[in-house]
């Protein structure tokens, strides 16, 4: 279930077309309302972090199914390992 205050949803809807990077941490990509909002993304780079590599890839594939332009992507297993090994440095710094 997607829960977010209405005024936050309005701001998010206005800002999504300007987003160039999406980082998901532990999100499975199952909330249809939020996925529909993501359809308004332009070209985007995506990084997904989940408990397992398969879970991270599944989230990426759910986002890919939206037919948005993905110009770069990466999937990582384990939040602590991903942060500890500095795997997101390039994504966050670019």
PDB file of N, CA and C in Angstrom:
ATOM      1  N   UNK A   1       0.840  -1.177   0.000  1.00  0.00           N
ATOM      2  CA  UNK A   1       0.000   0.000   0.000  1.00  0.00           C
ATOM      3  C   UNK A   1       0.885   1.239   0.000  1.00  0.00           C
ATOM      4  N   UNK A   2       0.507   2.211  -0.796  1.00  0.00           N
ATOM      5  CA  UNK A   2       1.228   3.469  -0.903  1.00  0.00           C
ATOM      6  C   UNK A   2       0.557   4.486   0.002  1.00  0.00           C
ATOM      7  N   UNK A   3       1.303   4.998   0.945  1.00  0.00           N
ATOM      8  CA  UNK A   3       0.757   6.011   1.844  1.00  0.00           C
ATOM      9  C   UNK A   3       1.685   7.205   1.850  1.00  0.00           C
ATOM     10  N   UNK A   4       1.099   8.363   1.608  1.00  0.00           N
ATOM     11  CA  UNK A   4       1.874   9.593   1.571  1.00  0.00           C
ATOM     12  C   UNK A   4       0.881  10.751   1.665  1.00  0.00           C
ATOM     13  N   UNK A   5       1.201  11.770   2.464  1.00  0.00           N
ATOM     14  CA  UNK A   5       0.294  12.920   2.553  1.00  0.00           C
ATOM     15  C   UNK A   5       0.055  13.549   1.179  1.00  0.00           C
ATOM     16  N   UNK A   6      -1.157  13.993   0.945  1.00  0.00           N
ATOM     17  CA  UNK A   6      -1.548  14.534  -0.366  1.00  0.00           C
ATOM     18  C   UNK A   6      -0.634  15.661  -0.831  1.00  0.00           C
ATOM     19  N   UNK A   7      -0.228  16.547   0.083  1.00  0.00           N
ATOM     20  CA  UNK A   7       0.637  17.653  -0.343  1.00  0.00           C
ATOM     21  C   UNK A   7       2.024  17.136  -0.749  1.00  0.00           C
ATOM     22  N   UNK A   8       2.488  16.055  -0.141  1.00  0.00           N
ATOM     23  CA  UNK A   8       3.769  15.454  -0.533  1.00  0.00           C
ATOM     24  C   UNK A   8       3.643  14.819  -1.914  1.00  0.00           C
ATOM     25  N   UNK A   9       2.516  14.174  -2.172  1.00  0.00           N
ATOM     26  CA  UNK A   9       2.288  13.553  -3.480  1.00  0.00           C
ATOM     27  C   UNK A   9       2.283  14.619  -4.567  1.00  0.00           C
ATOM     28  N   UNK A  10       1.663  15.761  -4.301  1.00  0.00           N
ATOM     29  CA  UNK A  10       1.635  16.850  -5.298  1.00  0.00           C
ATOM     30  C   UNK A  10       3.037  17.341  -5.612  1.00  0.00           C
ATOM     31  N   UNK A  11       3.842  17.553  -4.584  1.00  0.00           N
ATOM     32  CA  UNK A  11       5.217  18.022  -4.792  1.00  0.00           C
ATOM     33  C   UNK A  11       6.026  16.960  -5.532  1.00  0.00           C
ATOM     34  N   UNK A  12       5.897  15.717  -5.111  1.00  0.00           N
ATOM     35  CA  UNK A  12       6.608  14.629  -5.769  1.00  0.00           C
ATOM     36  C   UNK A  12       6.221  14.537  -7.245  1.00  0.00           C
ATOM     37  N   UNK A  13       4.947  14.649  -7.540  1.00  0.00           N
ATOM     38  CA  UNK A  13       4.487  14.606  -8.931  1.00  0.00           C
ATOM     39  C   UNK A  13       5.104  15.724  -9.761  1.00  0.00           C
ATOM     40  N   UNK A  14       5.243  16.894  -9.165  1.00  0.00           N
ATOM     41  CA  UNK A  14       5.862  18.025  -9.865  1.00  0.00           C
ATOM     42  C   UNK A  14       7.351  17.810 -10.096  1.00  0.00           C
ATOM     43  N   UNK A  15       8.018  17.143  -9.151  1.00  0.00           N
ATOM     44  CA  UNK A  15       9.468  16.987  -9.226  1.00  0.00           C
ATOM     45  C   UNK A  15       9.932  15.772 -10.028  1.00  0.00           C
ATOM     46  N   UNK A  16       9.122  14.742 -10.111  1.00  0.00           N
ATOM     47  CA  UNK A  16       9.550  13.509 -10.780  1.00  0.00           C
ATOM     48  C   UNK A  16      10.088  13.742 -12.194  1.00  0.00           C
ATOM     49  N   UNK A  17       9.482  14.573 -13.020  1.00  0.00           N
ATOM     50  CA  UNK A  17      10.040  14.752 -14.359  1.00  0.00           C
ATOM     51  C   UNK A  17      11.471  15.334 -14.364  1.00  0.00           C
ATOM     52  N   UNK A  18      11.902  15.914 -13.263  1.00  0.00           N
ATOM     53  CA  UNK A  18      13.237  16.508 -13.177  1.00  0.00           C
ATOM     54  C   UNK A  18      14.283  15.551 -12.612  1.00  0.00           C
ATOM     55  N   UNK A  19      13.853  14.401 -12.136  1.00  0.00           N
ATOM     56  CA  UNK A  19      14.745  13.424 -11.504  1.00  0.00           C
ATOM     57  C   UNK A  19      15.633  12.761 -12.555  1.00  0.00           C
ATOM     58  N   UNK A  20      16.927  12.637 -12.243  1.00  0.00           N
ATOM     59  CA  UNK A  20      17.858  11.967 -13.152  1.00  0.00           C
ATOM     60  C   UNK A  20      18.457  10.699 -12.550  1.00  0.00           C
ATOM     61  N   UNK A  21      18.277  10.503 -11.246  1.00  0.00           N
ATOM     62  CA  UNK A  21      18.778   9.312 -10.562  1.00  0.00           C
ATOM     63  C   UNK A  21      17.729   8.807  -9.590  1.00  0.00           C
ATOM     64  N   UNK A  22      17.619   7.475  -9.518  1.00  0.00           N
ATOM     65  CA  UNK A  22      16.726   6.847  -8.555  1.00  0.00           C
ATOM     66  C   UNK A  22      17.524   5.793  -7.804  1.00  0.00           C
ATOM     67  N   UNK A  23      17.512   5.874  -6.491  1.00  0.00           N
ATOM     68  CA  UNK A  23      18.139   4.887  -5.629  1.00  0.00           C
ATOM     69  C   UNK A  23      17.046   4.261  -4.780  1.00  0.00           C
ATOM     70  N   UNK A  24      16.863   2.958  -4.914  1.00  0.00           N
ATOM     71  CA  UNK A  24      15.898   2.258  -4.077  1.00  0.00           C
ATOM     72  C   UNK A  24      16.663   1.403  -3.086  1.00  0.00           C
ATOM     73  N   UNK A  25      16.243   1.434  -1.841  1.00  0.00           N
ATOM     74  CA  UNK A  25      16.870   0.631  -0.791  1.00  0.00           C
ATOM     75  C   UNK A  25      15.763  -0.160  -0.108  1.00  0.00           C
ATOM     76  N   UNK A  26      15.768  -1.456  -0.327  1.00  0.00           N
ATOM     77  CA  UNK A  26      14.791  -2.325   0.305  1.00  0.00           C
ATOM     78  C   UNK A  26      13.377  -2.152  -0.211  1.00  0.00           C
ATOM     79  N   UNK A  27      13.211  -1.493  -1.328  1.00  0.00           N
ATOM     80  CA  UNK A  27      11.884  -1.287  -1.911  1.00  0.00           C
ATOM     81  C   UNK A  27      11.658  -2.352  -2.971  1.00  0.00           C
ATOM     82  N   UNK A  28      10.527  -3.011  -2.930  1.00  0.00           N
ATOM     83  CA  UNK A  28      10.250  -4.092  -3.869  1.00  0.00           C
ATOM     84  C   UNK A  28       9.573  -3.626  -5.143  1.00  0.00           C
ATOM     85  N   UNK A  29       9.104  -2.383  -5.157  1.00  0.00           N
ATOM     86  CA  UNK A  29       8.467  -1.875  -6.371  1.00  0.00           C
ATOM     87  C   UNK A  29       7.088  -2.457  -6.603  1.00  0.00           C
ATOM     88  N   UNK A  30       6.331  -2.614  -5.533  1.00  0.00           N
ATOM     89  CA  UNK A  30       5.030  -3.260  -5.634  1.00  0.00           C
ATOM     90  C   UNK A  30       3.843  -2.286  -5.538  1.00  0.00           C
ATOM     91  N   UNK A  31       4.081  -1.039  -5.246  1.00  0.00           N
ATOM     92  CA  UNK A  31       2.988  -0.076  -5.083  1.00  0.00           C
ATOM     93  C   UNK A  31       2.619   0.529  -6.437  1.00  0.00           C
ATOM     94  N   UNK A  32       1.501   0.093  -6.983  1.00  0.00           N
ATOM     95  CA  UNK A  32       1.097   0.527  -8.318  1.00  0.00           C
ATOM     96  C   UNK A  32       0.984   2.043  -8.441  1.00  0.00           C
ATOM     97  N   UNK A  33       0.451   2.700  -7.418  1.00  0.00           N
ATOM     98  CA  UNK A  33       0.273   4.156  -7.497  1.00  0.00           C
ATOM     99  C   UNK A  33       1.627   4.850  -7.651  1.00  0.00           C
ATOM    100  N   UNK A  34       2.629   4.410  -6.911  1.00  0.00           N
ATOM    101  CA  UNK A  34       3.947   5.026  -7.021  1.00  0.00           C
ATOM    102  C   UNK A  34       4.612   4.645  -8.346  1.00  0.00           C
ATOM    103  N   UNK A  35       4.445   3.414  -8.772  1.00  0.00           N
ATOM    104  CA  UNK A  35       5.000   3.019 -10.072  1.00  0.00           C
ATOM    105  C   UNK A  35       4.406   3.866 -11.194  1.00  0.00           C
ATOM    106  N   UNK A  36       3.125   4.165 -11.100  1.00  0.00           N
ATOM    107  CA  UNK A  36       2.503   5.014 -12.117  1.00  0.00           C
ATOM    108  C   UNK A  36       3.116   6.412 -12.109  1.00  0.00           C
ATOM    109  N   UNK A  37       3.465   6.912 -10.940  1.00  0.00           N
ATOM    110  CA  UNK A  37       4.120   8.223 -10.850  1.00  0.00           C
ATOM    111  C   UNK A  37       5.494   8.174 -11.525  1.00  0.00           C
ATOM    112  N   UNK A  38       6.180   7.040 -11.378  1.00  0.00           N
ATOM    113  CA  UNK A  38       7.511   6.908 -11.976  1.00  0.00           C
ATOM    114  C   UNK A  38       7.470   6.916 -13.493  1.00  0.00           C
ATOM    115  N   UNK A  39       6.339   6.645 -14.082  1.00  0.00           N
ATOM    116  CA  UNK A  39       6.216   6.694 -15.546  1.00  0.00           C
ATOM    117  C   UNK A  39       6.533   8.090 -16.088  1.00  0.00           C
ATOM    118  N   UNK A  40       6.497   9.082 -15.229  1.00  0.00           N
ATOM    119  CA  UNK A  40       6.781  10.458 -15.647  1.00  0.00           C
ATOM    120  C   UNK A  40       8.257  10.818 -15.576  1.00  0.00           C
ATOM    121  N   UNK A  41       9.102   9.834 -15.228  1.00  0.00           N
ATOM    122  CA  UNK A  41      10.541  10.079 -15.219  1.00  0.00           C
ATOM    123  C   UNK A  41      11.028  10.292 -16.643  1.00  0.00           C
ATOM    124  N   UNK A  42      12.046  11.131 -16.776  1.00  0.00           N
ATOM    125  CA  UNK A  42      12.742  11.231 -18.051  1.00  0.00           C
ATOM    126  C   UNK A  42      13.832  10.177 -18.060  1.00  0.00           C
ATOM    127  N   UNK A  43      14.884  10.423 -18.831  1.00  0.00           N
ATOM    128  CA  UNK A  43      16.026   9.507 -18.835  1.00  0.00           C
ATOM    129  C   UNK A  43      16.609   9.462 -17.429  1.00  0.00           C
ATOM    130  N   UNK A  44      16.885   8.259 -16.932  1.00  0.00           N
ATOM    131  CA  UNK A  44      17.247   8.107 -15.530  1.00  0.00           C
ATOM    132  C   UNK A  44      18.291   7.010 -15.352  1.00  0.00           C
ATOM    133  N   UNK A  45      19.120   7.189 -14.336  1.00  0.00           N
ATOM    134  CA  UNK A  45      20.050   6.154 -13.885  1.00  0.00           C
ATOM    135  C   UNK A  45      19.478   5.589 -12.596  1.00  0.00           C
ATOM    136  N   UNK A  46      19.501   4.258 -12.473  1.00  0.00           N
ATOM    137  CA  UNK A  46      18.865   3.602 -11.337  1.00  0.00           C
ATOM    138  C   UNK A  46      19.842   2.681 -10.631  1.00  0.00           C
ATOM    139  N   UNK A  47      19.811   2.714  -9.305  1.00  0.00           N
ATOM    140  CA  UNK A  47      20.533   1.741  -8.486  1.00  0.00           C
ATOM    141  C   UNK A  47      19.527   1.141  -7.508  1.00  0.00           C
ATOM    142  N   UNK A  48      19.514  -0.179  -7.422  1.00  0.00           N
ATOM    143  CA  UNK A  48      18.630  -0.866  -6.488  1.00  0.00           C
ATOM    144  C   UNK A  48      19.471  -1.645  -5.487  1.00  0.00           C
ATOM    145  N   UNK A  49      19.072  -1.565  -4.222  1.00  0.00           N
ATOM    146  CA  UNK A  49      19.747  -2.290  -3.144  1.00  0.00           C
ATOM    147  C   UNK A  49      18.674  -3.090  -2.410  1.00  0.00           C
ATOM    148  N   UNK A  50      18.923  -4.384  -2.252  1.00  0.00           N
ATOM    149  CA  UNK A  50      17.959  -5.248  -1.556  1.00  0.00           C
ATOM    150  C   UNK A  50      18.734  -6.323  -0.803  1.00  0.00           C
ATOM    151  N   UNK A  51      18.005  -7.161  -0.098  1.00  0.00           N
ATOM    152  CA  UNK A  51      18.632  -8.207   0.705  1.00  0.00           C
ATOM    153  C   UNK A  51      19.455  -9.169  -0.118  1.00  0.00           C
ATOM    154  N   UNK A  52      18.978  -9.483  -1.338  1.00  0.00           N
ATOM    155  CA  UNK A  52      19.715 -10.379  -2.218  1.00  0.00           C
ATOM    156  C   UNK A  52      19.855  -9.737  -3.596  1.00  0.00           C
ATOM    157  N   UNK A  53      20.792 -10.242  -4.360  1.00  0.00           N
ATOM    158  CA  UNK A  53      20.980  -9.742  -5.719  1.00  0.00           C
ATOM    159  C   UNK A  53      19.720  -9.983  -6.551  1.00  0.00           C
ATOM    160  N   UNK A  54      19.095 -11.141  -6.384  1.00  0.00           N
ATOM    161  CA  UNK A  54      17.864 -11.431  -7.128  1.00  0.00           C
ATOM    162  C   UNK A  54      16.758 -10.441  -6.790  1.00  0.00           C
ATOM    163  N   UNK A  55      16.598 -10.115  -5.510  1.00  0.00           N
ATOM    164  CA  UNK A  55      15.577  -9.134  -5.107  1.00  0.00           C
ATOM    165  C   UNK A  55      15.872  -7.766  -5.717  1.00  0.00           C
ATOM    166  N   UNK A  56      17.129  -7.364  -5.721  1.00  0.00           N
ATOM    167  CA  UNK A  56      17.502  -6.069  -6.297  1.00  0.00           C
ATOM    168  C   UNK A  56      17.213  -6.051  -7.798  1.00  0.00           C
ATOM    169  N   UNK A  57      17.503  -7.140  -8.474  1.00  0.00           N
ATOM    170  CA  UNK A  57      17.230  -7.223  -9.921  1.00  0.00           C
ATOM    171  C   UNK A  57      15.726  -7.219 -10.194  1.00  0.00           C
ATOM    172  N   UNK A  58      14.955  -7.886  -9.346  1.00  0.00           N
ATOM    173  CA  UNK A  58      13.500  -7.903  -9.533  1.00  0.00           C
ATOM    174  C   UNK A  58      12.924  -6.492  -9.439  1.00  0.00           C
ATOM    175  N   UNK A  59      13.405  -5.707  -8.494  1.00  0.00           N
ATOM    176  CA  UNK A  59      12.943  -4.320  -8.375  1.00  0.00           C
ATOM    177  C   UNK A  59      13.309  -3.541  -9.630  1.00  0.00           C
ATOM    178  N   UNK A  60      14.537  -3.706 -10.089  1.00  0.00           N
ATOM    179  CA  UNK A  60      14.965  -3.031 -11.313  1.00  0.00           C
ATOM    180  C   UNK A  60      14.070  -3.440 -12.487  1.00  0.00           C
ATOM    181  N   UNK A  61      13.737  -4.711 -12.592  1.00  0.00           N
ATOM    182  CA  UNK A  61      12.892  -5.173 -13.694  1.00  0.00           C
ATOM    183  C   UNK A  61      11.483  -4.602 -13.604  1.00  0.00           C
ATOM    184  N   UNK A  62      10.955  -4.425 -12.404  1.00  0.00           N
ATOM    185  CA  UNK A  62       9.633  -3.790 -12.257  1.00  0.00           C
ATOM    186  C   UNK A  62       9.682  -2.350 -12.760  1.00  0.00           C
ATOM    187  N   UNK A  63      10.768  -1.665 -12.475  1.00  0.00           N
ATOM    188  CA  UNK A  63      10.904  -0.285 -12.948  1.00  0.00           C
ATOM    189  C   UNK A  63      11.101  -0.280 -14.465  1.00  0.00           C
ATOM    190  N   UNK A  64      11.907  -1.201 -14.965  1.00  0.00           N
ATOM    191  CA  UNK A  64      12.117  -1.312 -16.416  1.00  0.00           C
ATOM    192  C   UNK A  64      10.799  -1.530 -17.163  1.00  0.00           C
ATOM    193  N   UNK A  65       9.895  -2.272 -16.559  1.00  0.00           N
ATOM    194  CA  UNK A  65       8.615  -2.584 -17.197  1.00  0.00           C
ATOM    195  C   UNK A  65       7.770  -1.331 -17.433  1.00  0.00           C
ATOM    196  N   UNK A  66       8.139  -0.229 -16.820  1.00  0.00           N
ATOM    197  CA  UNK A  66       7.410   1.030 -17.007  1.00  0.00           C
ATOM    198  C   UNK A  66       7.740   1.682 -18.346  1.00  0.00           C
ATOM    199  N   UNK A  67       8.738   1.142 -19.040  1.00  0.00           N
ATOM    200  CA  UNK A  67       9.174   1.652 -20.347  1.00  0.00           C
ATOM    201  C   UNK A  67       9.719   3.066 -20.280  1.00  0.00           C
ATOM    202  N   UNK A  68      10.402   3.377 -19.179  1.00  0.00           N
ATOM    203  CA  UNK A  68      11.096   4.659 -19.102  1.00  0.00           C
ATOM    204  C   UNK A  68      12.505   4.469 -19.652  1.00  0.00           C
ATOM    205  N   UNK A  69      13.139   5.550 -20.024  1.00  0.00           N
ATOM    206  CA  UNK A  69      14.497   5.462 -20.563  1.00  0.00           C
ATOM    207  C   UNK A  69      15.497   5.324 -19.416  1.00  0.00           C
ATOM    208  N   UNK A  70      16.118   4.172 -19.326  1.00  0.00           N
ATOM    209  CA  UNK A  70      17.131   3.922 -18.300  1.00  0.00           C
ATOM    210  C   UNK A  70      18.488   3.992 -18.970  1.00  0.00           C
ATOM    211  N   UNK A  71      19.278   4.991 -18.571  1.00  0.00           N
ATOM    212  CA  UNK A  71      20.578   5.213 -19.209  1.00  0.00           C
ATOM    213  C   UNK A  71      21.720   4.533 -18.462  1.00  0.00           C
ATOM    214  N   UNK A  72      21.455   4.053 -17.272  1.00  0.00           N
ATOM    215  CA  UNK A  72      22.439   3.326 -16.492  1.00  0.00           C
ATOM    216  C   UNK A  72      21.738   2.641 -15.346  1.00  0.00           C
ATOM    217  N   UNK A  73      22.294   1.507 -14.915  1.00  0.00           N
ATOM    218  CA  UNK A  73      21.651   0.796 -13.816  1.00  0.00           C
ATOM    219  C   UNK A  73      22.651  -0.093 -13.100  1.00  0.00           C
ATOM    220  N   UNK A  74      22.340  -0.381 -11.860  1.00  0.00           N
ATOM    221  CA  UNK A  74      23.139  -1.301 -11.054  1.00  0.00           C
ATOM    222  C   UNK A  74      22.231  -1.866  -9.975  1.00  0.00           C
ATOM    223  N   UNK A  75      22.521  -3.103  -9.577  1.00  0.00           N
ATOM    224  CA  UNK A  75      21.767  -3.762  -8.510  1.00  0.00           C
ATOM    225  C   UNK A  75      22.757  -4.334  -7.514  1.00  0.00           C
ATOM    226  N   UNK A  76      22.456  -4.158  -6.225  1.00  0.00           N
ATOM    227  CA  UNK A  76      23.371  -4.595  -5.178  1.00  0.00           C
ATOM    228  C   UNK A  76      22.634  -5.385  -4.109  1.00  0.00           C
ATOM    229  N   UNK A  77      23.346  -6.346  -3.524  1.00  0.00           N
ATOM    230  CA  UNK A  77      22.803  -7.156  -2.441  1.00  0.00           C
ATOM    231  C   UNK A  77      23.355  -6.667  -1.109  1.00  0.00           C
ATOM    232  N   UNK A  78      22.470  -6.457  -0.142  1.00  0.00           N
ATOM    233  CA  UNK A  78      22.881  -6.112   1.212  1.00  0.00           C
ATOM    234  C   UNK A  78      23.239  -4.651   1.393  1.00  0.00           C
ATOM    235  N   UNK A  79      22.464  -3.963   2.194  1.00  0.00           N
ATOM    236  CA  UNK A  79      22.700  -2.542   2.432  1.00  0.00           C
ATOM    237  C   UNK A  79      24.050  -2.300   3.102  1.00  0.00           C
ATOM    238  N   UNK A  80      24.343  -3.026   4.172  1.00  0.00           N
ATOM    239  CA  UNK A  80      25.596  -2.792   4.903  1.00  0.00           C
ATOM    240  C   UNK A  80      26.812  -3.042   4.024  1.00  0.00           C
ATOM    241  N   UNK A  81      26.792  -4.129   3.257  1.00  0.00           N
ATOM    242  CA  UNK A  81      27.911  -4.413   2.358  1.00  0.00           C
ATOM    243  C   UNK A  81      28.025  -3.361   1.263  1.00  0.00           C
ATOM    244  N   UNK A  82      26.903  -2.949   0.728  1.00  0.00           N
ATOM    245  CA  UNK A  82      26.909  -1.952  -0.340  1.00  0.00           C
ATOM    246  C   UNK A  82      27.503  -0.635   0.152  1.00  0.00           C
ATOM    247  N   UNK A  83      27.093  -0.208   1.334  1.00  0.00           N
ATOM    248  CA  UNK A  83      27.615   1.037   1.894  1.00  0.00           C
ATOM    249  C   UNK A  83      29.062   0.852   2.344  1.00  0.00           C
ATOM    250  N   UNK A  84      29.338  -0.228   3.064  1.00  0.00           N
ATOM    251  CA  UNK A  84      30.682  -0.478   3.583  1.00  0.00           C
ATOM    252  C   UNK A  84      31.726  -0.604   2.496  1.00  0.00           C
ATOM    253  N   UNK A  85      31.348  -1.209   1.371  1.00  0.00           N
ATOM    254  CA  UNK A  85      32.273  -1.378   0.250  1.00  0.00           C
ATOM    255  C   UNK A  85      32.251  -0.188  -0.707  1.00  0.00           C
ATOM    256  N   UNK A  86      31.481   0.838  -0.362  1.00  0.00           N
ATOM    257  CA  UNK A  86      31.412   2.088  -1.115  1.00  0.00           C
ATOM    258  C   UNK A  86      30.979   1.868  -2.573  1.00  0.00           C
ATOM    259  N   UNK A  87      30.101   0.917  -2.770  1.00  0.00           N
ATOM    260  CA  UNK A  87      29.647   0.580  -4.117  1.00  0.00           C
ATOM    261  C   UNK A  87      28.805   1.671  -4.767  1.00  0.00           C
ATOM    262  N   UNK A  88      28.232   2.534  -3.954  1.00  0.00           N
ATOM    263  CA  UNK A  88      27.373   3.598  -4.497  1.00  0.00           C
ATOM    264  C   UNK A  88      28.112   4.905  -4.744  1.00  0.00           C
ATOM    265  N   UNK A  89      29.391   4.943  -4.441  1.00  0.00           N
ATOM    266  CA  UNK A  89      30.149   6.203  -4.573  1.00  0.00           C
ATOM    267  C   UNK A  89      30.031   6.806  -5.976  1.00  0.00           C
ATOM    268  N   UNK A  90      30.207   5.989  -6.989  1.00  0.00           N
ATOM    269  CA  UNK A  90      30.118   6.504  -8.364  1.00  0.00           C
ATOM    270  C   UNK A  90      28.723   6.992  -8.691  1.00  0.00           C
ATOM    271  N   UNK A  91      27.731   6.249  -8.276  1.00  0.00           N
ATOM    272  CA  UNK A  91      26.355   6.631  -8.520  1.00  0.00           C
ATOM    273  C   UNK A  91      26.011   7.934  -7.824  1.00  0.00           C
ATOM    274  N   UNK A  92      26.388   8.044  -6.572  1.00  0.00           N
ATOM    275  CA  UNK A  92      26.051   9.231  -5.795  1.00  0.00           C
ATOM    276  C   UNK A  92      26.887  10.438  -6.190  1.00  0.00           C
ATOM    277  N   UNK A  93      28.097  10.215  -6.651  1.00  0.00           N
ATOM    278  CA  UNK A  93      28.989  11.321  -6.959  1.00  0.00           C
ATOM    279  C   UNK A  93      28.856  11.872  -8.361  1.00  0.00           C
ATOM    280  N   UNK A  94      28.338  11.083  -9.275  1.00  0.00           N
ATOM    281  CA  UNK A  94      28.277  11.523 -10.674  1.00  0.00           C
ATOM    282  C   UNK A  94      27.222  12.593 -10.881  1.00  0.00           C
TER     283      UNK A  94
END
